[in-house]
Amino acid sequence: MTTTTAWIIAAALVLAGLGLGWWVVKSRTRRDDAPPLPEAPVERVAAPVEVVPAPVAPPTPAPAPMRTVAPPVAAPRPAPPPPAPAKAAPQPAAPPPPVALTPPTVIMVPPRPPAAPVIERVLALQPASEGEWAAGIALPLSPVQAASVATALAGEDTPPVVAIDFAPGATMSVARADLAFMRSLAAAARPGGRWLDGSAAAVVAAVSLAGLASERFLESLGDEMRELKSLLAALPPKTNGLADGRLKALVQDLSRFAREARENYASAIGKPAFRERIEEVAERTLIVWRDAVERADAGRQPLEALAKVSRFGEVQVEKSLALMRELMEQKRIQEIAARTLAAAHMLRVAVGDAAAAAPVDPLASAAAALQGSIEQDRDLFARLVDCEKAARGDPYVGKGEFEANRAALRKLLERPPAEPFAVTLERIAATRGAEPLDTARTSARRLLIRAGGDGAAMRLSAG
């Protein structure tokens, strides 16, 4: 609808309204001005003189005729507005996607295997004298270890001092809760006497080995781990990047395992998974060690080439100094890797395994590689010293920098080649010579135990 059409309709409505109003006013005015209708006259009758007639009621006046009023004329209705345009029917909603009914997943949990029966009569308790106790070698025990031994002996009516005899290699097998070995001991047990069952025997054997392991291996191993961390922290960022971060991760893992073995030795040696993790760290350390040896050998090749040049001048002195510094950095990485390898195998010995599980002893190979690099450096450094002494600078260039480079190179060449690896070779030799705590080749041992109200104490018989 346009604006003009709307104005025309509005004007028509206004005129129709004015006309309707005028007509209503005129209709009312005509009704008010109309005269009233005439009333019928009253007839009067004269009464005779002789007879008085009965009174006659006056006739009822005729009712006035009703006025007919014409109904008002209805005003014309305005034209209806045009219908609104029909709205489009809404689109029907899309049907929901079909729901796939997934059958419920039934997880079948297998029943727990029955607990292994307790093996009775594993270790025999024998009475011991006070003199044997006084002559024994004391084993260091922590308060927790002393309490665990006292708990293991709590159910037995024992004398003040008891003794347990272990055959060679039996202590480690019992401490690891080797069921087959314990059953063999129970089968050979004689009737009578006082005995420890499998659980109590494993606790007593593991605690007796914990004191020996801490004294022989774990205390010094903790010191070695702290020293290796200090050496890694002292490396400059460039040198530390040469190890690709692997060496630092190995030292951290090995330090954590050594601390766990020192703090909870009795449960650590009984976990095959713990010993497997130590073995895995030792294998990773061997890989890093071999990589360090290859990088050190690669660093010697440019120096070998410089030692063979006919003229050793200012440029050769400067290159030799830079290459010698890189070689020293590689040798520091090699030193840390070799000591980490020795520490990993020392931890294997501490938990009752052999120092080398492979057919080729990695420690013997590492010692041979270090000795070979020392001999190679001794020959190389001697030839570089001769070259440095015969070096001549360029007369057209200032001699200050040339002399400073010569002095720095001479200081590096005069350092004994075996000096960086002296401590490393000692650590490797100590690890190779370490004997496991208890093997079939060791001698039998007699363990003395005194239990009291505040815990238990252990000693090894000197006999």
Protein backbone atom coordinates (compact mmCIF):
# COMPACT_ATOMS: atom_id res chain seq x y z
CA MET A 1 0.00 0.00 0.00
CA THR A 2 1.36 3.38 -1.01
CA THR A 3 1.27 6.55 1.06
CA THR A 4 -1.24 8.28 -1.32
CA THR A 5 -3.74 5.43 -1.01
CA ALA A 6 -3.48 5.59 2.79
CA TRP A 7 -4.21 9.36 2.79
CA ILE A 8 -7.26 8.92 0.52
CA ILE A 9 -8.71 6.22 2.80
CA ALA A 10 -8.11 8.39 5.88
CA ALA A 11 -9.85 11.42 4.25
CA ALA A 12 -12.85 9.25 3.26
CA LEU A 13 -13.18 7.99 6.81
CA VAL A 14 -13.08 11.54 8.22
CA LEU A 15 -15.80 12.76 5.80
CA ALA A 16 -17.98 9.74 6.56
CA GLY A 17 -17.65 10.42 10.26
CA LEU A 18 -18.59 14.10 9.86
CA GLY A 19 -21.65 13.20 7.79
CA LEU A 20 -22.83 10.63 10.30
CA GLY A 21 -22.49 13.13 13.14
CA TRP A 22 -24.52 15.80 11.28
CA TRP A 23 -27.30 13.29 10.55
CA VAL A 24 -27.56 12.21 14.22
CA VAL A 25 -27.81 15.84 15.41
CA LYS A 26 -30.54 16.67 12.88
CA SER A 27 -32.59 13.60 13.87
CA ARG A 28 -32.65 14.62 17.53
CA THR A 29 -33.63 18.21 16.71
CA ARG A 30 -36.73 17.08 14.70
CA ARG A 31 -38.01 14.83 17.51
CA ASP A 32 -37.78 17.62 20.08
CA ASP A 33 -39.66 20.21 17.89
CA ALA A 34 -42.70 17.95 17.06
CA PRO A 35 -46.10 19.13 18.81
CA PRO A 36 -47.82 16.80 21.29
CA LEU A 37 -50.85 14.81 20.12
CA PRO A 38 -54.38 16.29 21.05
CA GLU A 39 -56.26 14.55 23.92
CA ALA A 40 -59.93 13.41 23.50
CA PRO A 41 -62.53 15.77 25.20
CA VAL A 42 -64.51 14.57 28.29
CA GLU A 43 -68.27 14.22 27.68
CA ARG A 44 -70.54 15.84 30.35
CA VAL A 45 -74.18 14.44 30.93
CA ALA A 46 -76.91 16.49 32.73
CA ALA A 47 -78.74 14.60 35.44
CA PRO A 48 -82.60 14.64 35.41
CA VAL A 49 -84.41 16.43 38.18
CA GLU A 50 -86.63 13.68 39.31
CA VAL A 51 -84.26 10.74 39.44
CA VAL A 52 -80.74 10.93 40.55
CA PRO A 53 -78.86 8.65 38.29
CA ALA A 54 -76.13 6.50 39.53
CA PRO A 55 -72.79 8.02 39.14
CA VAL A 56 -71.24 7.03 35.97
CA ALA A 57 -67.49 6.54 35.96
CA PRO A 58 -65.73 8.74 33.56
CA PRO A 59 -64.53 6.90 30.53
CA THR A 60 -61.02 5.82 30.56
CA PRO A 61 -59.02 8.03 28.27
CA ALA A 62 -57.69 6.26 25.28
CA PRO A 63 -54.01 5.60 25.47
CA ALA A 64 -51.89 7.85 23.46
CA PRO A 65 -50.55 6.24 20.39
CA MET A 66 -46.91 5.20 20.68
CA ARG A 67 -44.45 7.29 18.80
CA THR A 68 -42.63 5.47 16.13
CA VAL A 69 -38.93 6.32 16.19
CA ALA A 70 -36.96 5.42 13.17
CA PRO A 71 -33.84 3.45 13.99
CA PRO A 72 -30.59 5.31 13.48
CA VAL A 73 -28.87 4.67 10.27
CA ALA A 74 -25.67 2.73 10.90
CA ALA A 75 -22.53 4.41 9.74
CA PRO A 76 -20.74 2.66 6.91
CA ARG A 77 -17.92 0.52 8.04
CA PRO A 78 -14.44 1.56 6.94
CA ALA A 79 -12.84 -0.51 4.33
CA PRO A 80 -10.84 -3.32 5.93
CA PRO A 81 -7.09 -3.07 5.62
CA PRO A 82 -5.57 -5.21 2.99
CA PRO A 83 -4.64 -8.64 4.31
CA ALA A 84 -1.08 -9.08 5.39
CA PRO A 85 1.00 -11.19 3.10
CA ALA A 86 0.90 -14.81 4.13
CA LYS A 87 4.00 -15.91 5.98
CA ALA A 88 5.88 -18.76 4.59
CA ALA A 89 5.26 -21.92 6.48
CA PRO A 90 8.24 -22.79 8.71
CA GLN A 91 10.50 -25.43 7.44
CA PRO A 92 9.88 -28.70 9.23
CA ALA A 93 12.67 -29.52 11.66
CA ALA A 94 15.13 -32.05 10.44
CA PRO A 95 14.57 -35.38 12.05
CA PRO A 96 17.18 -36.24 14.72
CA PRO A 97 19.94 -38.55 13.58
CA PRO A 98 19.31 -42.13 14.39
CA VAL A 99 20.84 -43.11 17.68
CA ALA A 100 23.09 -46.08 17.39
CA LEU A 101 22.52 -48.33 20.31
CA THR A 102 25.85 -49.63 21.53
CA PRO A 103 25.60 -52.80 23.47
CA PRO A 104 27.04 -52.47 26.97
CA THR A 105 30.64 -53.51 27.37
CA VAL A 106 31.05 -56.23 29.87
CA ILE A 107 34.50 -56.24 31.43
CA MET A 108 35.36 -59.59 32.76
CA VAL A 109 37.71 -59.18 35.67
CA PRO A 110 39.51 -62.40 36.31
CA PRO A 111 39.47 -63.44 39.89
CA ARG A 112 42.58 -62.76 41.87
CA PRO A 113 44.88 -65.70 42.08
CA PRO A 114 44.93 -67.24 45.48
CA ALA A 115 47.69 -66.03 47.73
CA ALA A 116 50.73 -68.22 47.83
CA PRO A 117 50.65 -70.42 50.86
CA VAL A 118 53.01 -69.52 53.63
CA ILE A 119 56.07 -71.71 53.56
CA GLU A 120 56.78 -72.92 57.05
CA ARG A 121 60.13 -73.92 58.52
CA VAL A 122 62.48 -71.97 56.24
CA LEU A 123 65.19 -70.71 58.63
CA ALA A 124 66.07 -72.44 61.86
CA LEU A 125 66.65 -70.35 65.01
CA GLN A 126 69.47 -71.61 67.18
CA PRO A 127 70.55 -70.30 70.57
CA ALA A 128 73.84 -68.38 70.70
CA SER A 129 76.09 -67.44 73.58
CA GLU A 130 76.88 -63.98 74.86
CA GLY A 131 80.54 -64.53 74.07
CA GLU A 132 79.78 -65.18 70.42
CA TRP A 133 77.64 -62.06 70.38
CA ALA A 134 80.41 -59.95 71.86
CA ALA A 135 82.90 -61.21 69.27
CA GLY A 136 80.59 -60.62 66.30
CA ILE A 137 80.81 -57.83 63.71
CA ALA A 138 77.97 -55.33 64.16
CA LEU A 139 75.71 -54.55 61.20
CA PRO A 140 74.38 -50.97 60.96
CA LEU A 141 70.57 -50.95 61.09
CA SER A 142 68.15 -48.07 60.86
CA PRO A 143 65.33 -47.79 63.41
CA VAL A 144 62.84 -49.02 60.81
CA GLN A 145 64.98 -52.04 59.97
CA ALA A 146 65.49 -52.88 63.65
CA ALA A 147 61.74 -52.69 64.26
CA SER A 148 60.96 -54.93 61.26
CA VAL A 149 63.36 -57.64 62.52
CA ALA A 150 61.85 -57.47 66.01
CA THR A 151 58.39 -57.85 64.48
CA ALA A 152 59.52 -60.88 62.47
CA LEU A 153 60.72 -62.56 65.67
CA ALA A 154 57.79 -61.42 67.83
CA GLY A 155 55.81 -64.66 67.54
CA GLU A 156 58.71 -66.89 68.55
CA ASP A 157 59.68 -67.81 72.09
CA THR A 158 63.39 -67.29 71.59
CA PRO A 159 66.41 -66.90 73.88
CA PRO A 160 68.05 -63.46 74.19
CA VAL A 161 70.50 -64.18 71.37
CA VAL A 162 69.66 -66.43 68.40
CA ALA A 163 71.75 -67.50 65.41
CA ILE A 164 70.79 -68.32 61.81
CA ASP A 165 73.17 -70.22 59.54
CA PHE A 166 73.14 -69.34 55.83
CA ALA A 167 74.74 -71.47 53.15
CA PRO A 168 76.74 -69.67 50.40
CA GLY A 169 74.30 -67.76 48.21
CA ALA A 170 71.30 -68.58 50.41
CA THR A 171 70.97 -65.13 51.99
CA MET A 172 70.25 -63.35 48.71
CA SER A 173 67.84 -66.05 47.53
CA VAL A 174 65.84 -65.87 50.76
CA ALA A 175 65.89 -62.05 50.74
CA ARG A 176 64.43 -62.03 47.21
CA ALA A 177 61.68 -64.45 48.39
CA ASP A 178 62.68 -67.13 45.90
CA LEU A 179 59.79 -69.56 46.45
CA ALA A 180 61.51 -72.51 44.82
CA PHE A 181 64.57 -72.07 47.01
CA MET A 182 62.44 -71.63 50.14
CA ARG A 183 60.52 -74.82 49.38
CA SER A 184 63.78 -76.69 49.05
CA LEU A 185 64.85 -75.42 52.47
CA ALA A 186 61.49 -76.38 53.98
CA ALA A 187 61.70 -79.86 52.46
CA ALA A 188 65.10 -80.41 54.05
CA ALA A 189 64.05 -79.03 57.47
CA ARG A 190 64.22 -81.35 60.44
CA PRO A 191 61.26 -81.58 62.81
CA GLY A 192 61.41 -79.78 66.12
CA GLY A 193 63.06 -76.55 67.12
CA ARG A 194 62.14 -72.97 66.32
CA TRP A 195 61.74 -71.82 62.74
CA LEU A 196 60.95 -68.73 60.73
CA ASP A 197 58.36 -68.96 57.97
CA GLY A 198 58.90 -67.59 54.48
CA SER A 199 57.73 -64.02 55.14
CA ALA A 200 59.73 -63.55 58.34
CA ALA A 201 62.80 -65.22 56.82
CA ALA A 202 62.75 -62.84 53.80
CA VAL A 203 62.62 -59.80 56.09
CA VAL A 204 65.50 -60.99 58.28
CA ALA A 205 67.71 -61.94 55.33
CA ALA A 206 67.03 -58.68 53.44
CA VAL A 207 67.76 -56.51 56.48
CA SER A 208 71.03 -58.34 57.13
CA LEU A 209 72.11 -57.62 53.54
CA ALA A 210 70.93 -54.00 53.73
CA GLY A 211 73.52 -53.15 56.36
CA LEU A 212 76.32 -54.72 54.32
CA ALA A 213 75.17 -53.08 51.06
CA SER A 214 74.96 -49.66 52.67
CA GLU A 215 78.42 -49.98 54.21
CA ARG A 216 80.17 -51.38 51.14
CA PHE A 217 78.42 -49.76 48.20
CA LEU A 218 75.45 -47.45 48.72
CA GLU A 219 77.05 -44.77 50.91
CA SER A 220 79.97 -44.25 48.52
CA LEU A 221 77.60 -44.51 45.56
CA GLY A 222 75.51 -41.64 46.93
CA ASP A 223 78.66 -39.50 47.18
CA GLU A 224 79.58 -40.39 43.60
CA MET A 225 76.14 -39.35 42.34
CA ARG A 226 76.41 -35.98 44.04
CA GLU A 227 79.86 -35.44 42.53
CA LEU A 228 78.63 -36.35 39.04
CA LYS A 229 75.78 -33.86 39.37
CA SER A 230 78.30 -31.18 40.32
CA LEU A 231 80.43 -31.99 37.27
CA LEU A 232 77.41 -31.74 35.00
CA ALA A 233 76.32 -28.46 36.55
CA ALA A 234 79.82 -27.02 35.99
CA LEU A 235 79.75 -27.72 32.26
CA PRO A 236 79.25 -24.64 30.08
CA PRO A 237 76.06 -24.63 27.97
CA LYS A 238 77.94 -25.47 24.78
CA THR A 239 79.66 -28.47 26.33
CA ASN A 240 76.47 -29.65 27.98
CA GLY A 241 74.74 -29.58 24.61
CA LEU A 242 77.29 -32.02 23.23
CA ALA A 243 75.79 -34.71 25.44
CA ASP A 244 72.29 -34.05 23.98
CA GLY A 245 70.83 -34.00 27.50
CA ARG A 246 71.02 -37.79 27.70
CA LEU A 247 73.86 -37.88 30.15
CA LYS A 248 72.10 -35.59 32.61
CA ALA A 249 68.95 -37.72 32.47
CA LEU A 250 70.99 -40.86 33.12
CA VAL A 251 72.66 -39.37 36.17
CA GLN A 252 69.29 -38.28 37.57
CA ASP A 253 67.74 -41.73 37.06
CA LEU A 254 70.71 -43.50 38.55
CA SER A 255 70.76 -41.16 41.55
CA ARG A 256 67.07 -41.86 42.19
CA PHE A 257 67.57 -45.63 42.03
CA ALA A 258 70.59 -45.49 44.36
CA ARG A 259 68.61 -43.44 46.89
CA GLU A 260 65.68 -45.88 46.73
CA ALA A 261 68.00 -48.83 47.30
CA ARG A 262 69.68 -47.09 50.22
CA GLU A 263 66.43 -46.07 51.92
CA ASN A 264 64.36 -49.21 51.28
CA TYR A 265 66.81 -51.94 50.42
CA ALA A 266 64.74 -54.82 51.82
CA SER A 267 61.84 -54.23 49.42
CA ALA A 268 63.97 -53.02 46.50
CA ILE A 269 65.93 -56.24 46.06
CA GLY A 270 62.73 -58.26 46.14
CA LYS A 271 61.28 -56.44 43.10
CA PRO A 272 62.41 -57.85 39.74
CA ALA A 273 61.11 -54.70 38.02
CA PHE A 274 63.47 -52.54 40.08
CA ARG A 275 66.48 -54.60 39.05
CA GLU A 276 65.34 -54.48 35.42
CA ARG A 277 65.24 -50.68 35.53
CA ILE A 278 68.80 -50.61 36.85
CA GLU A 279 69.86 -52.90 34.02
CA GLU A 280 68.11 -50.64 31.49
CA VAL A 281 69.95 -47.57 32.84
CA ALA A 282 73.26 -49.42 32.56
CA GLU A 283 72.54 -50.22 28.90
CA ARG A 284 71.65 -46.60 28.11
CA THR A 285 74.82 -45.43 29.84
CA LEU A 286 76.90 -47.78 27.72
CA ILE A 287 75.38 -46.27 24.55
CA VAL A 288 76.17 -42.72 25.70
CA TRP A 289 79.70 -43.77 26.64
CA ARG A 290 80.35 -45.20 23.18
CA ASP A 291 79.01 -42.02 21.60
CA ALA A 292 81.35 -39.93 23.77
CA VAL A 293 84.35 -42.06 22.68
CA GLU A 294 83.45 -41.58 19.00
CA ARG A 295 83.14 -37.82 19.41
CA ALA A 296 86.48 -37.59 21.19
CA ASP A 297 88.16 -39.59 18.42
CA ALA A 298 86.59 -37.31 15.83
CA GLY A 299 87.99 -34.29 17.70
CA ARG A 300 91.54 -35.65 17.45
CA GLN A 301 91.51 -35.99 13.65
CA PRO A 302 91.93 -32.24 12.83
CA LEU A 303 94.76 -32.02 15.36
CA GLU A 304 96.47 -34.96 13.69
CA ALA A 305 96.27 -33.10 10.39
CA LEU A 306 97.72 -29.90 11.88
CA ALA A 307 100.60 -31.81 13.47
CA LYS A 308 101.68 -32.93 9.98
CA VAL A 309 101.81 -29.52 8.28
CA SER A 310 105.20 -28.30 7.07
CA ARG A 311 104.83 -24.73 8.32
CA PHE A 312 103.27 -24.01 11.70
CA GLY A 313 102.46 -20.33 11.79
CA GLU A 314 100.06 -17.95 13.43
CA VAL A 315 96.97 -19.44 11.73
CA GLN A 316 97.94 -22.97 12.75
CA VAL A 317 98.51 -21.91 16.35
CA GLU A 318 95.08 -20.30 16.52
CA LYS A 319 93.36 -23.37 15.00
CA SER A 320 95.24 -25.75 17.27
CA LEU A 321 94.17 -23.78 20.33
CA ALA A 322 90.50 -23.88 19.33
CA LEU A 323 90.66 -27.61 18.53
CA MET A 324 92.45 -28.41 21.79
CA ARG A 325 89.75 -26.64 23.78
CA GLU A 326 87.04 -28.62 21.98
CA LEU A 327 88.95 -31.84 22.64
CA MET A 328 89.19 -31.04 26.34
CA GLU A 329 85.44 -30.48 26.44
CA GLN A 330 84.86 -33.83 24.77
CA LYS A 331 87.16 -35.51 27.27
CA ARG A 332 85.14 -34.03 30.14
CA ILE A 333 82.00 -35.56 28.65
CA GLN A 334 83.88 -38.83 28.22
CA GLU A 335 85.00 -38.73 31.85
CA ILE A 336 81.47 -38.19 33.19
CA ALA A 337 80.06 -40.91 30.93
CA ALA A 338 82.68 -43.43 32.06
CA ARG A 339 82.09 -42.68 35.75
CA THR A 340 78.32 -42.95 35.25
CA LEU A 341 78.84 -46.35 33.61
CA ALA A 342 80.91 -47.50 36.59
CA ALA A 343 78.26 -46.23 39.03
CA ALA A 344 75.47 -48.08 37.19
CA HIS A 345 77.31 -51.37 37.44
CA MET A 346 78.20 -50.71 41.08
CA LEU A 347 74.48 -50.39 41.80
CA ARG A 348 73.91 -53.72 40.08
CA VAL A 349 76.42 -55.30 42.42
CA ALA A 350 74.75 -53.66 45.42
CA VAL A 351 71.38 -55.28 44.64
CA GLY A 352 72.96 -58.72 44.25
CA ASP A 353 73.68 -58.96 40.51
CA ALA A 354 76.99 -59.40 38.75
CA ALA A 355 78.92 -56.35 37.65
CA ALA A 356 78.63 -57.31 33.98
CA ALA A 357 75.71 -59.19 32.47
CA ALA A 358 77.01 -59.13 28.87
CA PRO A 359 79.58 -61.61 27.51
CA VAL A 360 81.95 -58.67 26.96
CA ASP A 361 82.62 -56.75 30.14
CA PRO A 362 81.71 -53.10 29.38
CA LEU A 363 83.90 -51.89 32.23
CA ALA A 364 86.95 -53.70 30.84
CA SER A 365 86.18 -52.24 27.41
CA ALA A 366 85.84 -48.74 28.91
CA ALA A 367 89.15 -49.04 30.75
CA ALA A 368 90.89 -50.19 27.58
CA ALA A 369 89.39 -47.31 25.59
CA LEU A 370 90.56 -44.78 28.17
CA GLN A 371 94.08 -46.21 28.21
CA GLY A 372 94.18 -46.13 24.42
CA SER A 373 93.06 -42.49 24.31
CA ILE A 374 95.69 -41.56 26.89
CA GLU A 375 98.46 -43.12 24.80
CA GLN A 376 97.11 -41.50 21.64
CA ASP A 377 96.96 -38.07 23.29
CA ARG A 378 100.46 -38.44 24.69
CA ASP A 379 101.90 -39.01 21.22
CA LEU A 380 99.74 -36.31 19.62
CA PHE A 381 100.55 -33.70 22.25
CA ALA A 382 104.29 -34.38 21.94
CA ARG A 383 104.21 -33.69 18.20
CA LEU A 384 102.09 -30.55 18.73
CA VAL A 385 104.61 -29.28 21.31
CA ASP A 386 107.37 -29.54 18.72
CA CYS A 387 105.21 -27.67 16.22
CA GLU A 388 104.44 -24.94 18.76
CA LYS A 389 108.11 -24.41 19.56
CA ALA A 390 108.95 -24.01 15.89
CA ALA A 391 106.02 -21.70 15.17
CA ARG A 392 106.80 -18.31 13.66
CA GLY A 393 104.41 -15.39 13.49
CA ASP A 394 103.74 -13.08 10.58
CA PRO A 395 106.11 -10.07 10.78
CA TYR A 396 103.38 -7.80 9.42
CA VAL A 397 100.95 -8.61 12.23
CA GLY A 398 101.25 -7.67 15.89
CA LYS A 399 102.80 -10.37 18.04
CA GLY A 400 100.60 -9.81 21.11
CA GLU A 401 97.76 -12.10 20.08
CA PHE A 402 100.16 -14.65 18.59
CA GLU A 403 102.16 -14.95 21.81
CA ALA A 404 98.99 -15.17 23.89
CA ASN A 405 97.69 -18.04 21.74
CA ARG A 406 101.04 -19.81 21.95
CA ALA A 407 101.05 -19.56 25.74
CA ALA A 408 97.47 -20.90 26.03
CA LEU A 409 98.23 -23.77 23.63
CA ARG A 410 101.44 -24.63 25.47
CA LYS A 411 99.52 -24.80 28.78
CA LEU A 412 97.01 -27.27 27.36
CA LEU A 413 99.69 -29.41 25.74
CA GLU A 414 101.76 -29.63 28.90
CA ARG A 415 98.83 -31.05 30.87
CA PRO A 416 99.37 -34.81 31.40
CA PRO A 417 96.96 -36.75 29.17
CA ALA A 418 96.15 -39.20 31.98
CA GLU A 419 95.15 -36.48 34.45
CA PRO A 420 91.46 -36.11 33.37
CA PHE A 421 90.91 -39.86 33.61
CA ALA A 422 92.81 -40.67 36.80
CA VAL A 423 89.72 -40.71 39.03
CA THR A 424 87.68 -42.42 36.32
CA LEU A 425 90.11 -45.31 36.05
CA GLU A 426 90.02 -45.71 39.84
CA ARG A 427 86.20 -45.89 39.84
CA ILE A 428 86.21 -48.47 37.06
CA ALA A 429 88.83 -50.60 38.82
CA ALA A 430 86.88 -50.46 42.10
CA THR A 431 83.67 -51.55 40.37
CA ARG A 432 85.36 -54.40 38.55
CA GLY A 433 86.88 -55.64 41.80
CA ALA A 434 83.65 -55.39 43.79
CA GLU A 435 82.32 -58.73 44.99
CA PRO A 436 78.58 -59.32 45.24
CA LEU A 437 77.18 -59.50 48.74
CA ASP A 438 76.22 -63.14 48.58
CA THR A 439 76.96 -65.66 45.85
CA ALA A 440 77.66 -69.34 45.64
CA ARG A 441 81.39 -68.52 45.70
CA THR A 442 81.23 -66.64 48.98
CA SER A 443 81.64 -68.38 52.30
CA ALA A 444 78.83 -69.42 54.61
CA ARG A 445 77.74 -66.91 57.20
CA ARG A 446 76.25 -67.06 60.65
CA LEU A 447 73.87 -64.24 61.59
CA LEU A 448 73.38 -63.29 65.25
CA ILE A 449 70.22 -61.47 66.35
CA ARG A 450 69.35 -59.92 69.70
CA ALA A 451 65.75 -58.78 70.01
CA GLY A 452 64.55 -56.36 72.66
CA GLY A 453 61.76 -53.99 73.51
CA ASP A 454 63.25 -51.14 71.42
CA GLY A 455 64.02 -53.24 68.33
CA ALA A 456 66.61 -55.74 67.27
CA ALA A 457 70.36 -55.73 66.63
CA MET A 458 72.35 -57.88 64.23
CA ARG A 459 75.92 -59.09 64.07
CA LEU A 460 77.88 -61.43 61.87
CA SER A 461 79.66 -64.21 63.72
CA ALA A 462 83.43 -63.94 63.53
CA GLY A 463 83.80 -67.71 63.56
